[in-house]
Protein backbone atom coordinates (compact mmCIF):
# COMPACT_ATOMS: atom_id res chain seq x y z
CA UNK A 1 0.00 0.00 0.00
CA UNK A 2 1.35 3.41 -0.95
CA UNK A 3 1.92 5.95 1.79
CA UNK A 4 0.75 8.90 -0.30
CA UNK A 5 -2.23 9.63 -2.48
CA UNK A 6 -0.84 10.41 -5.91
CA UNK A 7 -3.97 12.30 -6.98
CA UNK A 8 -3.27 15.07 -4.45
CA UNK A 9 -0.63 17.76 -4.79
CA UNK A 10 1.47 19.07 -1.90
CA UNK A 11 -1.40 21.39 -0.85
CA UNK A 12 -4.00 18.61 -0.91
CA UNK A 13 -5.67 19.73 -4.14
CA UNK A 14 -6.86 17.13 -6.63
CA UNK A 15 -4.75 16.69 -9.75
CA UNK A 16 -4.22 14.26 -12.60
CA UNK A 17 -1.00 12.33 -11.98
CA UNK A 18 1.83 13.14 -14.40
CA UNK A 19 2.73 9.82 -16.04
CA UNK A 20 4.83 11.40 -18.80
CA UNK A 21 8.15 10.06 -17.51
CA UNK A 22 6.87 6.52 -16.90
CA UNK A 23 7.74 3.69 -19.26
CA UNK A 24 5.01 2.08 -21.32
CA UNK A 25 4.33 -1.50 -20.28
CA UNK A 26 1.72 -4.09 -21.12
CA UNK A 27 -0.97 -3.84 -18.47
CA UNK A 28 -3.99 -6.03 -17.77
CA UNK A 29 -6.85 -5.73 -15.30
CA UNK A 30 -9.74 -8.07 -14.52
CA UNK A 31 -12.78 -6.97 -12.53
CA UNK A 32 -16.06 -8.63 -11.66
CA UNK A 33 -19.57 -7.83 -10.54
CA UNK A 34 -22.76 -9.74 -9.78
CA UNK A 35 -26.38 -8.80 -10.33
CA UNK A 36 -28.78 -10.84 -8.23
CA UNK A 37 -32.35 -11.32 -9.41
CA UNK A 38 -35.46 -13.43 -9.07
CA UNK A 39 -35.16 -16.94 -10.54
CA UNK A 40 -37.90 -16.11 -13.06
CA UNK A 41 -35.89 -13.12 -14.30
CA UNK A 42 -32.82 -15.27 -14.81
CA UNK A 43 -34.93 -17.84 -16.68
CA UNK A 44 -36.27 -15.07 -18.95
CA UNK A 45 -32.71 -13.94 -19.74
CA UNK A 46 -31.44 -17.45 -20.41
CA UNK A 47 -34.47 -18.34 -22.55
CA UNK A 48 -34.09 -15.11 -24.55
CA UNK A 49 -37.62 -13.89 -23.88
CA UNK A 50 -36.85 -10.51 -22.29
CA UNK A 51 -39.13 -7.80 -23.72
CA UNK A 52 -36.17 -5.57 -24.65
CA UNK A 53 -34.20 -8.29 -26.45
CA UNK A 54 -30.92 -10.14 -25.87
CA UNK A 55 -29.95 -9.00 -22.38
CA UNK A 56 -26.51 -10.59 -22.32
CA UNK A 57 -25.48 -9.25 -25.73
CA UNK A 58 -26.57 -5.71 -24.89
CA UNK A 59 -24.84 -5.81 -21.49
CA UNK A 60 -21.63 -7.13 -23.04
CA UNK A 61 -21.53 -4.26 -25.55
CA UNK A 62 -22.50 -1.72 -22.86
CA UNK A 63 -19.58 -2.83 -20.68
CA UNK A 64 -17.10 -2.59 -23.54
CA UNK A 65 -18.40 0.82 -24.60
CA UNK A 66 -18.30 2.09 -21.02
CA UNK A 67 -14.68 1.03 -20.59
CA UNK A 68 -13.78 3.41 -23.42
CA UNK A 69 -15.54 6.30 -21.61
CA UNK A 70 -13.94 5.85 -18.19
CA UNK A 71 -11.82 9.01 -18.36
CA UNK A 72 -14.99 11.02 -19.09
CA UNK A 73 -16.71 9.54 -16.02
CA UNK A 74 -13.91 9.44 -13.43
CA UNK A 75 -12.43 12.96 -13.21
CA UNK A 76 -8.74 12.13 -12.66
CA UNK A 77 -8.42 9.10 -14.96
CA UNK A 78 -6.19 9.33 -17.99
CA UNK A 79 -7.71 8.55 -21.39
CA UNK A 80 -6.21 5.25 -22.52
CA UNK A 81 -5.71 3.58 -25.86
CA UNK A 82 -7.35 0.30 -24.83
CA UNK A 83 -5.91 -2.71 -26.64
CA UNK A 84 -8.21 -5.39 -25.20
CA UNK A 85 -11.76 -5.27 -23.90
CA UNK A 86 -13.75 -8.41 -23.14
CA UNK A 87 -16.87 -8.71 -20.99
CA UNK A 88 -18.22 -12.13 -20.07
CA UNK A 89 -21.67 -12.62 -18.55
CA UNK A 90 -22.45 -16.00 -17.04
CA UNK A 91 -25.87 -16.99 -15.68
CA UNK A 92 -25.69 -18.29 -12.11
CA UNK A 93 -28.65 -20.58 -11.38
CA UNK A 94 -29.93 -21.70 -7.99
CA UNK A 95 -27.54 -23.95 -6.11
CA UNK A 96 -24.29 -22.55 -7.52
CA UNK A 97 -23.63 -19.94 -4.84
CA UNK A 98 -23.27 -20.60 -1.14
CA UNK A 99 -25.69 -17.74 -0.41
CA UNK A 100 -28.35 -19.25 -2.72
CA UNK A 101 -28.66 -16.11 -4.86
CA UNK A 102 -29.23 -16.38 -8.58
CA UNK A 103 -28.23 -13.85 -11.21
CA UNK A 104 -25.53 -12.94 -13.66
CA UNK A 105 -21.80 -12.95 -12.91
CA UNK A 106 -19.90 -10.36 -14.96
CA UNK A 107 -16.18 -10.44 -15.61
CA UNK A 108 -14.38 -7.69 -17.53
CA UNK A 109 -10.84 -8.07 -18.85
CA UNK A 110 -9.10 -4.95 -20.14
CA UNK A 111 -5.64 -4.45 -21.57
CA UNK A 112 -3.45 -1.56 -22.61
CA UNK A 113 0.15 -0.85 -23.44
CA UNK A 114 0.75 2.41 -21.69
CA UNK A 115 2.09 4.47 -18.83
CA UNK A 116 -0.74 3.96 -16.36
CA UNK A 117 -3.01 1.15 -15.24
CA UNK A 118 -6.34 0.02 -16.61
CA UNK A 119 -8.07 -1.03 -13.38
CA UNK A 120 -10.67 1.73 -13.50
CA UNK A 121 -11.66 0.73 -17.04
CA UNK A 122 -12.16 -2.89 -15.96
CA UNK A 123 -14.22 -1.82 -12.93
CA UNK A 124 -16.29 0.54 -15.10
CA UNK A 125 -16.96 -2.20 -17.66
CA UNK A 126 -18.13 -4.65 -15.00
CA UNK A 127 -20.31 -2.03 -13.30
CA UNK A 128 -21.98 -0.79 -16.48
CA UNK A 129 -22.60 -4.32 -17.76
CA UNK A 130 -24.50 -4.98 -14.51
CA UNK A 131 -26.39 -1.70 -14.94
CA UNK A 132 -27.34 -2.68 -18.49
CA UNK A 133 -28.78 -5.99 -17.24
CA UNK A 134 -30.79 -4.00 -14.71
CA UNK A 135 -32.05 -1.62 -17.39
CA UNK A 136 -33.02 -4.46 -19.72
CA UNK A 137 -34.96 -6.30 -17.00
CA UNK A 138 -36.28 -3.62 -14.64
CA UNK A 139 -39.80 -3.83 -16.08
CA UNK A 140 -40.13 -7.36 -14.70
CA UNK A 141 -37.84 -7.25 -11.64
CA UNK A 142 -37.16 -3.96 -9.85
CA UNK A 143 -35.70 -5.87 -6.90
CA UNK A 144 -32.46 -6.79 -8.67
CA UNK A 145 -29.31 -5.95 -6.72
CA UNK A 146 -25.90 -5.06 -8.09
CA UNK A 147 -22.92 -5.85 -5.92
CA UNK A 148 -19.58 -7.54 -5.51
CA UNK A 149 -17.90 -5.17 -7.96
CA UNK A 150 -14.19 -5.56 -7.33
CA UNK A 151 -10.78 -5.87 -8.91
CA UNK A 152 -9.55 -9.45 -9.27
CA UNK A 153 -6.23 -9.00 -11.05
CA UNK A 154 -3.85 -6.35 -12.30
CA UNK A 155 -0.50 -6.78 -13.93
CA UNK A 156 2.11 -4.55 -15.51
CA UNK A 157 3.67 -1.30 -14.47
CA UNK A 158 6.06 -0.59 -11.63
CA UNK A 159 3.91 -2.32 -9.00
CA UNK A 160 3.69 -5.52 -11.06
CA UNK A 161 1.25 -8.31 -10.30
CA UNK A 162 -1.63 -8.03 -7.84
CA UNK A 163 -4.31 -10.68 -7.38
CA UNK A 164 -7.26 -10.89 -5.04
């Protein structure tokens, strides 16, 4: 854990970190999220009968598109030239989780060759993919819950490998 917050200057004011002198390295980040829902909602998604269309396809594209907008959403993020963006959505039926919840597990994998990390883009992709599932299904299940959004893996850069 770093002892200083790099997004603050010596007076405590927010700033974008200067990465100009850093070397470009291949960087990868993987993040996940989970959207819990009623079993009937999951069945509707899996069967492809959602009123708005293919929920998983729309959420996948939404996550990828969101990853490319991260610097517009998070004030101090650098715009990155993303080299890899993949969002996987896996239905989780009853009996697969210890807590008994059903829903969709989202995993976003982002890559870049650059001077700063891509964790925020992976977290944004996972979050927005969950939000897209909610939007596609809210007419039939307003009780869905988004949670467990977290970083699983990051590699590259000075700090190297980190895994949950």
